[in-house]
């Protein structure tokens, strides 16, 4: 996400997003809770199933207008993920179940 007047072209942003995310397989997600912490900021507690591992993490969202500036609820705008790149929220410490752990659990049971 880009805020302010310095903005990349849509094509450049698409290439960047592809580079960051193309190796990952997001196969399921669950929104557990949404916390509005400011007029234009919300946090979501989510479960993400990525490449067979389940992550429980917090995603920070900012409401922005077409110019890329923050927009409050009563202004025209859209919600955009403010963290950029999966390494900011798909961290080893946020894994709650991995394929290896799951296989070991089923084998032991």
Protein backbone atom coordinates (compact mmCIF):
# COMPACT_ATOMS: atom_id res chain seq x y z
CA UNK A 1 0.00 0.00 0.00
CA UNK A 2 1.21 3.47 -0.77
CA UNK A 3 0.04 6.59 0.99
CA UNK A 4 0.50 10.18 -0.08
CA UNK A 5 1.37 11.78 -3.37
CA UNK A 6 4.28 9.53 -4.41
CA UNK A 7 2.53 6.64 -6.11
CA UNK A 8 3.74 3.87 -8.37
CA UNK A 9 1.87 2.84 -11.48
CA UNK A 10 -0.69 0.06 -11.18
CA UNK A 11 1.50 -2.14 -13.39
CA UNK A 12 4.55 -1.62 -11.19
CA UNK A 13 2.51 -2.43 -8.07
CA UNK A 14 1.12 -5.57 -9.72
CA UNK A 15 4.64 -6.81 -10.53
CA UNK A 16 5.76 -6.10 -6.97
CA UNK A 17 2.77 -7.96 -5.50
CA UNK A 18 3.39 -10.91 -7.81
CA UNK A 19 7.05 -11.02 -6.78
CA UNK A 20 6.12 -10.96 -3.09
CA UNK A 21 3.24 -13.44 -3.12
CA UNK A 22 3.47 -15.75 -6.14
CA UNK A 23 5.37 -18.49 -4.30
CA UNK A 24 2.71 -18.67 -1.56
CA UNK A 25 -0.51 -20.68 -1.67
CA UNK A 26 -3.24 -19.06 0.43
CA UNK A 27 -5.88 -21.77 0.50
CA UNK A 28 -8.14 -20.60 3.35
CA UNK A 29 -8.64 -17.73 5.75
CA UNK A 30 -10.87 -16.89 8.69
CA UNK A 31 -11.45 -13.45 10.18
CA UNK A 32 -11.67 -13.92 13.94
CA UNK A 33 -12.08 -10.33 15.08
CA UNK A 34 -12.00 -6.77 13.72
CA UNK A 35 -10.81 -3.98 16.01
CA UNK A 36 -11.35 -0.38 14.90
CA UNK A 37 -8.56 1.51 16.65
CA UNK A 38 -9.00 4.86 14.87
CA UNK A 39 -11.35 6.47 12.36
CA UNK A 40 -9.28 5.13 9.46
CA UNK A 41 -7.39 2.21 11.05
CA UNK A 42 -8.51 -1.32 11.89
CA UNK A 43 -6.75 -4.50 12.98
CA UNK A 44 -8.03 -7.96 12.11
CA UNK A 45 -7.12 -11.12 13.96
CA UNK A 46 -7.06 -13.81 11.29
CA UNK A 47 -6.21 -17.43 10.65
CA UNK A 48 -4.42 -17.95 7.34
CA UNK A 49 -3.72 -21.35 5.77
CA UNK A 50 -0.62 -20.77 3.66
CA UNK A 51 1.40 -23.59 2.10
CA UNK A 52 -0.18 -26.07 4.49
CA UNK A 53 0.68 -24.14 7.67
CA UNK A 54 -1.92 -22.30 9.73
CA UNK A 55 -0.91 -18.85 10.94
CA UNK A 56 -2.73 -16.77 13.54
CA UNK A 57 -1.78 -13.18 12.96
CA UNK A 58 -2.86 -9.56 13.08
CA UNK A 59 -3.38 -7.60 9.88
CA UNK A 60 -3.43 -3.80 10.01
CA UNK A 61 -5.75 -2.06 7.57
CA UNK A 62 -5.97 1.63 6.68
CA UNK A 63 -8.91 3.29 4.97
CA UNK A 64 -7.69 5.37 2.01
CA UNK A 65 -9.22 7.53 -0.69
CA UNK A 66 -8.40 7.54 -4.41
CA UNK A 67 -5.48 9.92 -3.83
CA UNK A 68 -3.89 7.54 -1.32
CA UNK A 69 -4.59 9.69 1.73
CA UNK A 70 -6.34 8.34 4.79
CA UNK A 71 -10.13 8.49 4.67
CA UNK A 72 -12.43 8.28 7.67
CA UNK A 73 -15.57 6.14 7.71
CA UNK A 74 -17.80 8.99 6.56
CA UNK A 75 -15.57 9.82 3.57
CA UNK A 76 -15.35 7.98 0.27
CA UNK A 77 -12.63 5.35 0.40
CA UNK A 78 -11.60 1.72 0.64
CA UNK A 79 -9.76 -0.47 3.14
CA UNK A 80 -6.18 -1.42 2.19
CA UNK A 81 -3.73 -3.73 3.90
CA UNK A 82 -1.03 -1.49 5.35
CA UNK A 83 1.62 -4.17 5.87
CA UNK A 84 3.52 -4.83 2.71
CA UNK A 85 4.89 -8.26 2.05
CA UNK A 86 4.14 -11.58 3.68
CA UNK A 87 7.30 -11.57 5.79
CA UNK A 88 5.65 -8.95 8.01
CA UNK A 89 2.82 -11.24 9.11
CA UNK A 90 3.75 -14.82 8.09
CA UNK A 91 6.38 -15.29 10.78
CA UNK A 92 7.50 -18.57 12.36
CA UNK A 93 6.16 -17.43 15.73
CA UNK A 94 2.66 -16.98 14.26
CA UNK A 95 2.38 -20.61 13.06
CA UNK A 96 -0.15 -22.50 15.15
CA UNK A 97 -0.11 -25.70 13.09
CA UNK A 98 2.27 -26.91 10.43
CA UNK A 99 2.03 -29.98 8.17
CA UNK A 100 4.81 -31.70 10.15
CA UNK A 101 3.08 -31.10 13.50
CA UNK A 102 -0.24 -32.24 12.07
CA UNK A 103 1.28 -35.44 10.65
CA UNK A 104 2.99 -36.20 13.98
CA UNK A 105 -0.25 -35.64 15.90
CA UNK A 106 -2.23 -37.96 13.63
CA UNK A 107 0.52 -40.61 13.69
CA UNK A 108 0.76 -40.54 17.50
CA UNK A 109 -3.03 -40.69 17.97
